[in-house]
């Protein structure tokens, strides 16, 4: 789906069009789904599995990164102050261990 501006529509825009809801209602629904997904991830870490822990931790860390990038806005496409500060704190001013 493309918008009238010629860019590919976001998931929020698709949800608004498909379900005839406001943008705020779409954001609320997505946030609810994200909260439920985090509950599933956390419960999954409490169960015994044959999957090696380093692989699980890698998946969890990737999930954390995606959560930070897309939590409030699309900080990947539209890099703002929050993302620049996150990158700086990670790569330029890391906490000594």
N, C-alpha and C. Protein backbone atom coordinates (compact mmCIF):
# COMPACT_ATOMS: atom_id res chain seq x y z
N UNK A 1 0.84 -1.17 0.00
CA UNK A 1 0.00 0.00 0.00
C UNK A 1 0.89 1.24 0.00
N UNK A 2 0.61 2.16 -0.86
CA UNK A 2 1.35 3.42 -0.87
C UNK A 2 0.38 4.56 -0.60
N UNK A 3 0.89 5.57 0.05
CA UNK A 3 0.05 6.72 0.37
C UNK A 3 0.07 7.71 -0.79
N UNK A 4 -0.70 8.74 -0.65
CA UNK A 4 -0.75 9.76 -1.69
C UNK A 4 0.57 10.51 -1.81
N UNK A 5 1.43 10.42 -0.83
CA UNK A 5 2.73 11.09 -0.86
C UNK A 5 3.78 10.26 -1.58
N UNK A 6 3.43 9.04 -1.98
CA UNK A 6 4.37 8.19 -2.70
C UNK A 6 5.25 7.32 -1.83
N UNK A 7 5.06 7.33 -0.53
CA UNK A 7 5.85 6.46 0.33
C UNK A 7 5.02 5.24 0.75
N UNK A 8 5.71 4.22 1.16
CA UNK A 8 5.03 3.01 1.61
C UNK A 8 4.37 3.30 2.95
N UNK A 9 3.12 2.89 3.08
CA UNK A 9 2.35 3.17 4.29
C UNK A 9 2.91 2.39 5.47
N UNK A 10 2.85 3.01 6.64
CA UNK A 10 3.29 2.36 7.86
C UNK A 10 2.23 1.37 8.35
N UNK A 11 2.61 0.56 9.31
CA UNK A 11 1.65 -0.38 9.89
C UNK A 11 0.48 0.36 10.52
N UNK A 12 0.77 1.50 11.14
CA UNK A 12 -0.29 2.31 11.76
C UNK A 12 -1.26 2.79 10.68
N UNK A 13 -0.73 3.32 9.59
CA UNK A 13 -1.58 3.81 8.51
C UNK A 13 -2.44 2.68 7.93
N UNK A 14 -1.86 1.51 7.76
CA UNK A 14 -2.63 0.36 7.25
C UNK A 14 -3.73 -0.03 8.23
N UNK A 15 -3.42 -0.05 9.51
CA UNK A 15 -4.40 -0.42 10.54
C UNK A 15 -5.55 0.58 10.57
N UNK A 16 -5.22 1.87 10.49
CA UNK A 16 -6.25 2.92 10.48
C UNK A 16 -7.20 2.71 9.31
N UNK A 17 -6.64 2.45 8.15
CA UNK A 17 -7.47 2.27 6.95
C UNK A 17 -8.29 0.98 7.03
N UNK A 18 -7.66 -0.11 7.45
CA UNK A 18 -8.35 -1.41 7.48
C UNK A 18 -9.48 -1.45 8.50
N UNK A 19 -9.28 -0.84 9.68
CA UNK A 19 -10.27 -0.95 10.75
C UNK A 19 -11.06 0.34 10.99
N UNK A 20 -10.82 1.35 10.16
CA UNK A 20 -11.54 2.64 10.28
C UNK A 20 -11.50 3.20 11.70
N UNK A 21 -10.29 3.30 12.22
CA UNK A 21 -10.08 3.85 13.57
C UNK A 21 -9.17 5.05 13.47
N UNK A 22 -9.05 5.78 14.56
CA UNK A 22 -8.15 6.93 14.59
C UNK A 22 -6.71 6.44 14.75
N UNK A 23 -5.77 7.34 14.46
CA UNK A 23 -4.36 6.99 14.66
C UNK A 23 -4.09 6.64 16.11
N UNK A 24 -4.70 7.38 17.04
CA UNK A 24 -4.49 7.13 18.46
C UNK A 24 -4.99 5.74 18.84
N UNK A 25 -6.15 5.34 18.30
CA UNK A 25 -6.67 4.01 18.58
C UNK A 25 -5.73 2.94 18.03
N UNK A 26 -5.16 3.19 16.87
CA UNK A 26 -4.21 2.24 16.29
C UNK A 26 -2.96 2.14 17.16
N UNK A 27 -2.43 3.29 17.60
CA UNK A 27 -1.27 3.27 18.49
C UNK A 27 -1.58 2.52 19.78
N UNK A 28 -2.75 2.76 20.34
CA UNK A 28 -3.15 2.07 21.58
C UNK A 28 -3.18 0.56 21.37
N UNK A 29 -3.75 0.13 20.25
CA UNK A 29 -3.82 -1.31 19.96
C UNK A 29 -2.42 -1.89 19.78
N UNK A 30 -1.57 -1.21 19.05
CA UNK A 30 -0.20 -1.70 18.85
C UNK A 30 0.54 -1.78 20.18
N UNK A 31 0.38 -0.77 21.02
CA UNK A 31 1.05 -0.79 22.33
C UNK A 31 0.55 -1.95 23.18
N UNK A 32 -0.74 -2.26 23.10
CA UNK A 32 -1.29 -3.40 23.83
C UNK A 32 -0.68 -4.71 23.32
N UNK A 33 -0.56 -4.83 21.99
CA UNK A 33 0.04 -6.03 21.41
C UNK A 33 1.51 -6.15 21.79
N UNK A 34 2.21 -5.03 21.84
CA UNK A 34 3.62 -5.05 22.23
C UNK A 34 3.77 -5.49 23.69
N UNK A 35 2.92 -4.96 24.56
CA UNK A 35 2.97 -5.36 25.98
C UNK A 35 2.72 -6.85 26.13
N UNK A 36 1.76 -7.38 25.39
CA UNK A 36 1.47 -8.82 25.44
C UNK A 36 2.64 -9.63 24.89
N UNK A 37 3.30 -9.13 23.84
CA UNK A 37 4.45 -9.84 23.29
C UNK A 37 5.60 -9.89 24.29
N UNK A 38 5.83 -8.78 25.02
CA UNK A 38 6.87 -8.79 26.05
C UNK A 38 6.55 -9.79 27.16
N UNK A 39 5.28 -9.90 27.52
CA UNK A 39 4.88 -10.90 28.53
C UNK A 39 5.20 -12.30 28.02
N UNK A 40 4.89 -12.57 26.75
CA UNK A 40 5.19 -13.88 26.16
C UNK A 40 6.69 -14.15 26.16
N UNK A 41 7.48 -13.14 25.79
CA UNK A 41 8.94 -13.30 25.76
C UNK A 41 9.46 -13.60 27.16
N UNK A 42 9.02 -12.84 28.14
CA UNK A 42 9.48 -13.05 29.52
C UNK A 42 9.06 -14.41 30.05
N UNK A 43 7.84 -14.84 29.76
CA UNK A 43 7.40 -16.17 30.20
C UNK A 43 8.21 -17.25 29.50
N UNK A 44 8.55 -17.02 28.24
CA UNK A 44 9.35 -17.99 27.50
C UNK A 44 10.73 -18.18 28.10
N UNK A 45 11.29 -17.14 28.67
CA UNK A 45 12.60 -17.25 29.31
C UNK A 45 12.54 -18.00 30.63
N UNK A 46 11.37 -18.12 31.20
CA UNK A 46 11.23 -18.83 32.47
C UNK A 46 11.06 -20.33 32.27
N UNK A 47 10.74 -20.75 31.06
CA UNK A 47 10.55 -22.17 30.77
C UNK A 47 11.87 -22.82 30.36
N UNK A 48 11.98 -24.09 30.68
CA UNK A 48 13.15 -24.86 30.27
C UNK A 48 13.05 -25.15 28.77
N UNK A 49 14.18 -25.00 28.08
CA UNK A 49 14.19 -25.26 26.65
C UNK A 49 15.52 -25.88 26.25
N UNK A 50 15.53 -26.56 25.12
CA UNK A 50 16.78 -27.15 24.65
C UNK A 50 17.60 -26.15 23.83
N UNK A 51 17.04 -24.98 23.60
CA UNK A 51 17.74 -23.93 22.85
C UNK A 51 18.89 -23.39 23.70
N UNK A 52 20.08 -23.27 23.13
CA UNK A 52 21.22 -22.72 23.90
C UNK A 52 20.93 -21.29 24.35
N UNK A 53 21.31 -21.00 25.58
CA UNK A 53 21.05 -19.69 26.19
C UNK A 53 21.66 -18.54 25.38
N UNK A 54 22.89 -18.68 24.84
CA UNK A 54 23.43 -17.55 24.05
C UNK A 54 22.54 -17.18 22.85
N UNK A 55 21.90 -18.13 22.23
CA UNK A 55 21.00 -17.84 21.12
C UNK A 55 19.77 -17.10 21.64
N UNK A 56 19.22 -17.56 22.75
CA UNK A 56 18.06 -16.89 23.33
C UNK A 56 18.39 -15.45 23.73
N UNK A 57 19.56 -15.24 24.29
CA UNK A 57 19.97 -13.90 24.70
C UNK A 57 20.15 -13.01 23.47
N UNK A 58 20.68 -13.56 22.39
CA UNK A 58 20.82 -12.80 21.15
C UNK A 58 19.47 -12.35 20.61
N UNK A 59 18.50 -13.25 20.63
CA UNK A 59 17.14 -12.91 20.18
C UNK A 59 16.53 -11.85 21.10
N UNK A 60 16.71 -12.01 22.39
CA UNK A 60 16.19 -11.02 23.34
C UNK A 60 16.83 -9.65 23.12
N UNK A 61 18.14 -9.62 22.90
CA UNK A 61 18.82 -8.34 22.67
C UNK A 61 18.34 -7.68 21.39
N UNK A 62 18.13 -8.46 20.34
CA UNK A 62 17.60 -7.90 19.09
C UNK A 62 16.21 -7.33 19.32
N UNK A 63 15.40 -8.03 20.09
CA UNK A 63 14.05 -7.55 20.42
C UNK A 63 14.12 -6.24 21.19
N UNK A 64 15.06 -6.14 22.11
CA UNK A 64 15.23 -4.90 22.88
C UNK A 64 15.60 -3.73 21.96
N UNK A 65 16.50 -3.99 21.02
CA UNK A 65 16.92 -2.94 20.09
C UNK A 65 15.74 -2.46 19.26
N UNK A 66 14.96 -3.41 18.71
CA UNK A 66 13.80 -3.04 17.90
C UNK A 66 12.80 -2.26 18.75
N UNK A 67 12.63 -2.66 20.00
CA UNK A 67 11.71 -1.94 20.89
C UNK A 67 12.16 -0.50 21.09
N UNK A 68 13.45 -0.29 21.28
CA UNK A 68 13.97 1.07 21.47
C UNK A 68 13.80 1.90 20.19
N UNK A 69 14.12 1.29 19.06
CA UNK A 69 14.06 2.03 17.80
C UNK A 69 12.63 2.46 17.45
N UNK A 70 11.65 1.59 17.72
CA UNK A 70 10.29 1.87 17.28
C UNK A 70 9.32 2.18 18.41
N UNK A 71 9.79 2.36 19.64
CA UNK A 71 8.91 2.55 20.79
C UNK A 71 7.94 3.71 20.62
N UNK A 72 8.42 4.88 20.39
CA UNK A 72 7.55 6.06 20.26
C UNK A 72 7.35 6.46 18.81
N UNK A 73 8.43 6.44 18.04
CA UNK A 73 8.41 6.85 16.64
C UNK A 73 9.28 5.89 15.85
N UNK A 74 9.31 6.08 14.57
CA UNK A 74 10.21 5.31 13.72
C UNK A 74 11.57 5.98 13.73
N UNK A 75 12.35 5.70 14.77
CA UNK A 75 13.67 6.32 14.94
C UNK A 75 14.70 5.77 13.96
N UNK A 76 14.37 4.71 13.25
CA UNK A 76 15.27 4.17 12.24
C UNK A 76 15.20 5.03 10.98
N UNK A 77 13.99 5.32 10.55
CA UNK A 77 13.79 6.13 9.35
C UNK A 77 14.01 7.61 9.62
N UNK A 78 13.51 8.08 10.76
CA UNK A 78 13.58 9.49 11.10
C UNK A 78 14.40 9.64 12.38
N UNK A 79 15.72 9.58 12.23
CA UNK A 79 16.61 9.62 13.39
C UNK A 79 16.47 10.97 14.08
N UNK A 80 16.16 10.92 15.38
CA UNK A 80 16.00 12.13 16.16
C UNK A 80 16.97 12.17 17.31
N UNK A 81 16.75 13.09 18.21
CA UNK A 81 17.63 13.30 19.36
C UNK A 81 17.72 12.05 20.24
N UNK A 82 16.60 11.38 20.45
CA UNK A 82 16.59 10.20 21.32
C UNK A 82 17.51 9.12 20.77
N UNK A 83 17.41 8.83 19.48
CA UNK A 83 18.25 7.79 18.90
C UNK A 83 19.72 8.22 18.88
N UNK A 84 19.97 9.47 18.56
CA UNK A 84 21.36 9.96 18.58
C UNK A 84 21.95 9.84 19.97
N UNK A 85 21.18 10.18 20.99
CA UNK A 85 21.65 10.05 22.37
C UNK A 85 21.89 8.59 22.75
N UNK A 86 21.01 7.69 22.31
CA UNK A 86 21.19 6.26 22.59
C UNK A 86 22.48 5.75 21.96
N UNK A 87 22.72 6.11 20.71
CA UNK A 87 23.92 5.65 20.02
C UNK A 87 25.17 6.23 20.69
N UNK A 88 25.11 7.51 21.03
CA UNK A 88 26.25 8.15 21.69
C UNK A 88 26.56 7.49 23.03
N UNK A 89 25.51 7.20 23.81
CA UNK A 89 25.75 6.59 25.11
C UNK A 89 26.29 5.17 24.99
N UNK A 90 25.97 4.51 23.91
CA UNK A 90 26.44 3.14 23.69
C UNK A 90 27.85 3.10 23.13
N UNK A 91 28.11 3.92 22.12
CA UNK A 91 29.37 3.82 21.39
C UNK A 91 30.41 4.88 21.77
N UNK A 92 29.96 6.08 22.10
CA UNK A 92 30.90 7.17 22.36
C UNK A 92 31.21 7.29 23.85
N UNK A 93 30.18 7.23 24.68
CA UNK A 93 30.35 7.37 26.13
C UNK A 93 29.87 6.13 26.87
N UNK A 94 30.46 4.96 26.59
CA UNK A 94 29.98 3.75 27.26
C UNK A 94 30.30 3.76 28.75
N UNK A 95 29.50 3.06 29.51
CA UNK A 95 29.73 2.92 30.94
C UNK A 95 30.86 1.93 31.15
N UNK A 96 31.91 2.32 31.87
CA UNK A 96 33.01 1.38 32.09
C UNK A 96 32.56 0.19 32.95
N UNK A 97 33.08 -0.96 32.61
CA UNK A 97 32.70 -2.19 33.32
C UNK A 97 33.78 -2.58 34.28
